[in-house]
Amino acid sequence: MEIAAAPVQFTPNAHKELLRLMNEPGFDTSKFLRIGVKGGGCSGLSYVLGFDDKQADDEVYELDGLTFIMNKSHGLYLMGMQIDWMDGLEARGFSFTNPNASKTCGCGSSFSV
């Protein structure tokens, strides 16, 4: 399995939270962390961040000890994106800072290019 240069970055908080999730009891170690996009949301495209099976058209990436997969065609939309984890009173969850997004919805989980 060839590992390519990572098109996205994780903040230290996101890295820590992803490792915590992957070390939870009962975590299915046969799954890969998937980063990508899908059609939908108020701005046209929504971010995908979850655990999934590897597909034939996926690239495998490794960054700071985290291995993740992404559909080859999604790099166009996500190159240079930073994934963060917020754990505050006002906001809790993963957030995405995408330099390719020309428009982002108010919730931050949907964008257009």
C-alpha atoms as a PDB file:
ATOM      1  CA  MET A   1       0.000   0.000   0.000  1.00  0.00           C
ATOM      2  CA  GLU A   2       1.646   3.231  -1.206  1.00  0.00           C
ATOM      3  CA  ILE A   3       1.269   6.274   1.048  1.00  0.00           C
ATOM      4  CA  ALA A   4       0.965   9.691  -0.633  1.00  0.00           C
ATOM      5  CA  ALA A   5       1.702  13.168   0.751  1.00  0.00           C
ATOM      6  CA  ALA A   6      -1.238  14.362   2.860  1.00  0.00           C
ATOM      7  CA  PRO A   7      -3.448  17.029   1.240  1.00  0.00           C
ATOM      8  CA  VAL A   8      -4.936  18.120   4.594  1.00  0.00           C
ATOM      9  CA  GLN A   9      -3.571  19.057   8.016  1.00  0.00           C
ATOM     10  CA  PHE A  10      -4.799  18.264  11.529  1.00  0.00           C
ATOM     11  CA  THR A  11      -4.462  20.710  14.401  1.00  0.00           C
ATOM     12  CA  PRO A  12      -3.055  19.204  17.619  1.00  0.00           C
ATOM     13  CA  ASN A  13      -6.597  19.183  19.084  1.00  0.00           C
ATOM     14  CA  ALA A  14      -8.023  17.313  16.073  1.00  0.00           C
ATOM     15  CA  HIS A  15      -5.130  14.851  16.102  1.00  0.00           C
ATOM     16  CA  LYS A  16      -5.678  14.137  19.808  1.00  0.00           C
ATOM     17  CA  GLU A  17      -9.449  13.671  19.387  1.00  0.00           C
ATOM     18  CA  LEU A  18      -9.068  11.341  16.390  1.00  0.00           C
ATOM     19  CA  LEU A  19      -6.579   9.192  18.304  1.00  0.00           C
ATOM     20  CA  ARG A  20      -8.976   9.127  21.275  1.00  0.00           C
ATOM     21  CA  LEU A  21     -11.826   7.930  19.040  1.00  0.00           C
ATOM     22  CA  MET A  22      -9.641   5.253  17.460  1.00  0.00           C
ATOM     23  CA  ASN A  23      -8.601   3.954  20.881  1.00  0.00           C
ATOM     24  CA  GLU A  24     -12.155   3.648  22.230  1.00  0.00           C
ATOM     25  CA  PRO A  25     -13.132   0.143  23.371  1.00  0.00           C
ATOM     26  CA  GLY A  26     -14.994  -1.641  20.580  1.00  0.00           C
ATOM     27  CA  PHE A  27     -13.502   0.472  17.778  1.00  0.00           C
ATOM     28  CA  ASP A  28     -13.519  -1.515  14.507  1.00  0.00           C
ATOM     29  CA  THR A  29      -9.817  -1.571  13.593  1.00  0.00           C
ATOM     30  CA  SER A  30     -10.623  -2.803  10.073  1.00  0.00           C
ATOM     31  CA  LYS A  31     -12.010   0.667   9.247  1.00  0.00           C
ATOM     32  CA  PHE A  32     -10.008   3.613   7.930  1.00  0.00           C
ATOM     33  CA  LEU A  33     -10.433   7.265   8.791  1.00  0.00           C
ATOM     34  CA  ARG A  34     -12.106   8.784   5.705  1.00  0.00           C
ATOM     35  CA  ILE A  35     -11.878  12.447   4.741  1.00  0.00           C
ATOM     36  CA  GLY A  36     -13.818  13.642   1.726  1.00  0.00           C
ATOM     37  CA  VAL A  37     -16.779  15.498   0.300  1.00  0.00           C
ATOM     38  CA  LYS A  38     -20.280  14.584  -0.785  1.00  0.00           C
ATOM     39  CA  GLY A  39     -23.019  16.472  -2.583  1.00  0.00           C
ATOM     40  CA  GLY A  40     -25.497  18.239  -0.345  1.00  0.00           C
ATOM     41  CA  GLY A  41     -25.737  20.810   2.390  1.00  0.00           C
ATOM     42  CA  CYS A  42     -26.815  24.418   2.035  1.00  0.00           C
ATOM     43  CA  SER A  43     -23.782  25.396  -0.056  1.00  0.00           C
ATOM     44  CA  GLY A  44     -23.581  22.421  -2.441  1.00  0.00           C
ATOM     45  CA  LEU A  45     -20.900  20.164  -0.910  1.00  0.00           C
ATOM     46  CA  SER A  46     -20.562  18.723   2.596  1.00  0.00           C
ATOM     47  CA  TYR A  47     -17.452  17.464   4.366  1.00  0.00           C
ATOM     48  CA  VAL A  48     -17.081  13.771   5.170  1.00  0.00           C
ATOM     49  CA  LEU A  49     -15.114  12.762   8.266  1.00  0.00           C
ATOM     50  CA  GLY A  50     -15.719   9.272   9.586  1.00  0.00           C
ATOM     51  CA  PHE A  51     -14.611   5.660   9.552  1.00  0.00           C
ATOM     52  CA  ASP A  52     -15.136   3.544   6.456  1.00  0.00           C
ATOM     53  CA  ASP A  53     -13.853   0.667   4.328  1.00  0.00           C
ATOM     54  CA  LYS A  54     -11.160   1.401   1.758  1.00  0.00           C
ATOM     55  CA  GLN A  55     -12.463   1.583  -1.823  1.00  0.00           C
ATOM     56  CA  ALA A  56     -10.566   0.933  -5.076  1.00  0.00           C
ATOM     57  CA  ASP A  57     -10.326   4.647  -5.963  1.00  0.00           C
ATOM     58  CA  ASP A  58      -9.048   5.756  -2.539  1.00  0.00           C
ATOM     59  CA  GLU A  59      -5.599   7.176  -1.864  1.00  0.00           C
ATOM     60  CA  VAL A  60      -3.948   6.297   1.472  1.00  0.00           C
ATOM     61  CA  TYR A  61      -2.263   9.091   3.451  1.00  0.00           C
ATOM     62  CA  GLU A  62      -0.289   9.211   6.690  1.00  0.00           C
ATOM     63  CA  LEU A  63       0.127  12.332   8.767  1.00  0.00           C
ATOM     64  CA  ASP A  64       1.603  12.541  12.263  1.00  0.00           C
ATOM     65  CA  GLY A  65       0.909   8.862  12.914  1.00  0.00           C
ATOM     66  CA  LEU A  66      -2.670   8.947  11.588  1.00  0.00           C
ATOM     67  CA  THR A  67      -3.470   6.953   8.473  1.00  0.00           C
ATOM     68  CA  PHE A  68      -6.495   8.099   6.483  1.00  0.00           C
ATOM     69  CA  ILE A  69      -8.114   7.546   3.100  1.00  0.00           C
ATOM     70  CA  MET A  70      -9.598   9.926   0.557  1.00  0.00           C
ATOM     71  CA  ASN A  71     -11.158   9.399  -2.846  1.00  0.00           C
ATOM     72  CA  LYS A  72      -8.590  10.543  -5.447  1.00  0.00           C
ATOM     73  CA  SER A  73     -10.993  13.084  -6.955  1.00  0.00           C
ATOM     74  CA  HIS A  74     -11.664  14.846  -3.620  1.00  0.00           C
ATOM     75  CA  GLY A  75      -8.152  16.310  -3.355  1.00  0.00           C
ATOM     76  CA  LEU A  76      -9.188  19.057  -5.770  1.00  0.00           C
ATOM     77  CA  TYR A  77     -11.704  20.328  -3.186  1.00  0.00           C
ATOM     78  CA  LEU A  78      -9.708  19.670  -0.015  1.00  0.00           C
ATOM     79  CA  MET A  79      -6.047  20.454  -0.817  1.00  0.00           C
ATOM     80  CA  GLY A  80      -4.632  22.632   1.963  1.00  0.00           C
ATOM     81  CA  MET A  81      -7.616  22.176   4.303  1.00  0.00           C
ATOM     82  CA  GLN A  82      -7.072  22.228   8.064  1.00  0.00           C
ATOM     83  CA  ILE A  83      -9.210  20.085  10.367  1.00  0.00           C
ATOM     84  CA  ASP A  84      -9.623  21.265  13.951  1.00  0.00           C
ATOM     85  CA  TRP A  85     -11.447  19.957  17.033  1.00  0.00           C
ATOM     86  CA  MET A  86     -13.282  22.436  19.248  1.00  0.00           C
ATOM     87  CA  ASP A  87     -14.372  21.437  22.732  1.00  0.00           C
ATOM     88  CA  GLY A  88     -15.862  24.599  24.185  1.00  0.00           C
ATOM     89  CA  LEU A  89     -19.158  25.787  25.588  1.00  0.00           C
ATOM     90  CA  GLU A  90     -20.122  27.562  22.361  1.00  0.00           C
ATOM     91  CA  ALA A  91     -18.971  24.902  19.903  1.00  0.00           C
ATOM     92  CA  ARG A  92     -18.020  21.240  20.088  1.00  0.00           C
ATOM     93  CA  GLY A  93     -16.935  19.146  17.150  1.00  0.00           C
ATOM     94  CA  PHE A  94     -14.664  19.095  14.146  1.00  0.00           C
ATOM     95  CA  SER A  95     -14.305  22.234  12.070  1.00  0.00           C
ATOM     96  CA  PHE A  96     -12.863  22.686   8.601  1.00  0.00           C
ATOM     97  CA  THR A  97     -10.833  25.607   7.272  1.00  0.00           C
ATOM     98  CA  ASN A  98     -10.737  25.150   3.520  1.00  0.00           C
ATOM     99  CA  PRO A  99      -8.791  27.615   1.326  1.00  0.00           C
ATOM    100  CA  ASN A 100     -10.631  26.275  -1.754  1.00  0.00           C
ATOM    101  CA  ALA A 101     -14.103  27.194  -0.489  1.00  0.00           C
ATOM    102  CA  SER A 102     -15.566  30.275  -2.127  1.00  0.00           C
ATOM    103  CA  LYS A 103     -18.675  30.128   0.073  1.00  0.00           C
ATOM    104  CA  THR A 104     -19.284  28.389   3.408  1.00  0.00           C
ATOM    105  CA  CYS A 105     -22.597  27.946   5.196  1.00  0.00           C
ATOM    106  CA  GLY A 106     -23.146  29.224   8.723  1.00  0.00           C
ATOM    107  CA  CYS A 107     -22.710  25.803  10.326  1.00  0.00           C
ATOM    108  CA  GLY A 108     -19.312  25.297   8.637  1.00  0.00           C
ATOM    109  CA  SER A 109     -20.042  21.770   7.403  1.00  0.00           C
ATOM    110  CA  SER A 110     -21.042  22.766   3.863  1.00  0.00           C
ATOM    111  CA  PHE A 111     -19.236  24.763   1.180  1.00  0.00           C
ATOM    112  CA  SER A 112     -18.975  25.583  -2.510  1.00  0.00           C
ATOM    113  CA  VAL A 113     -15.986  26.193  -4.764  1.00  0.00           C
END
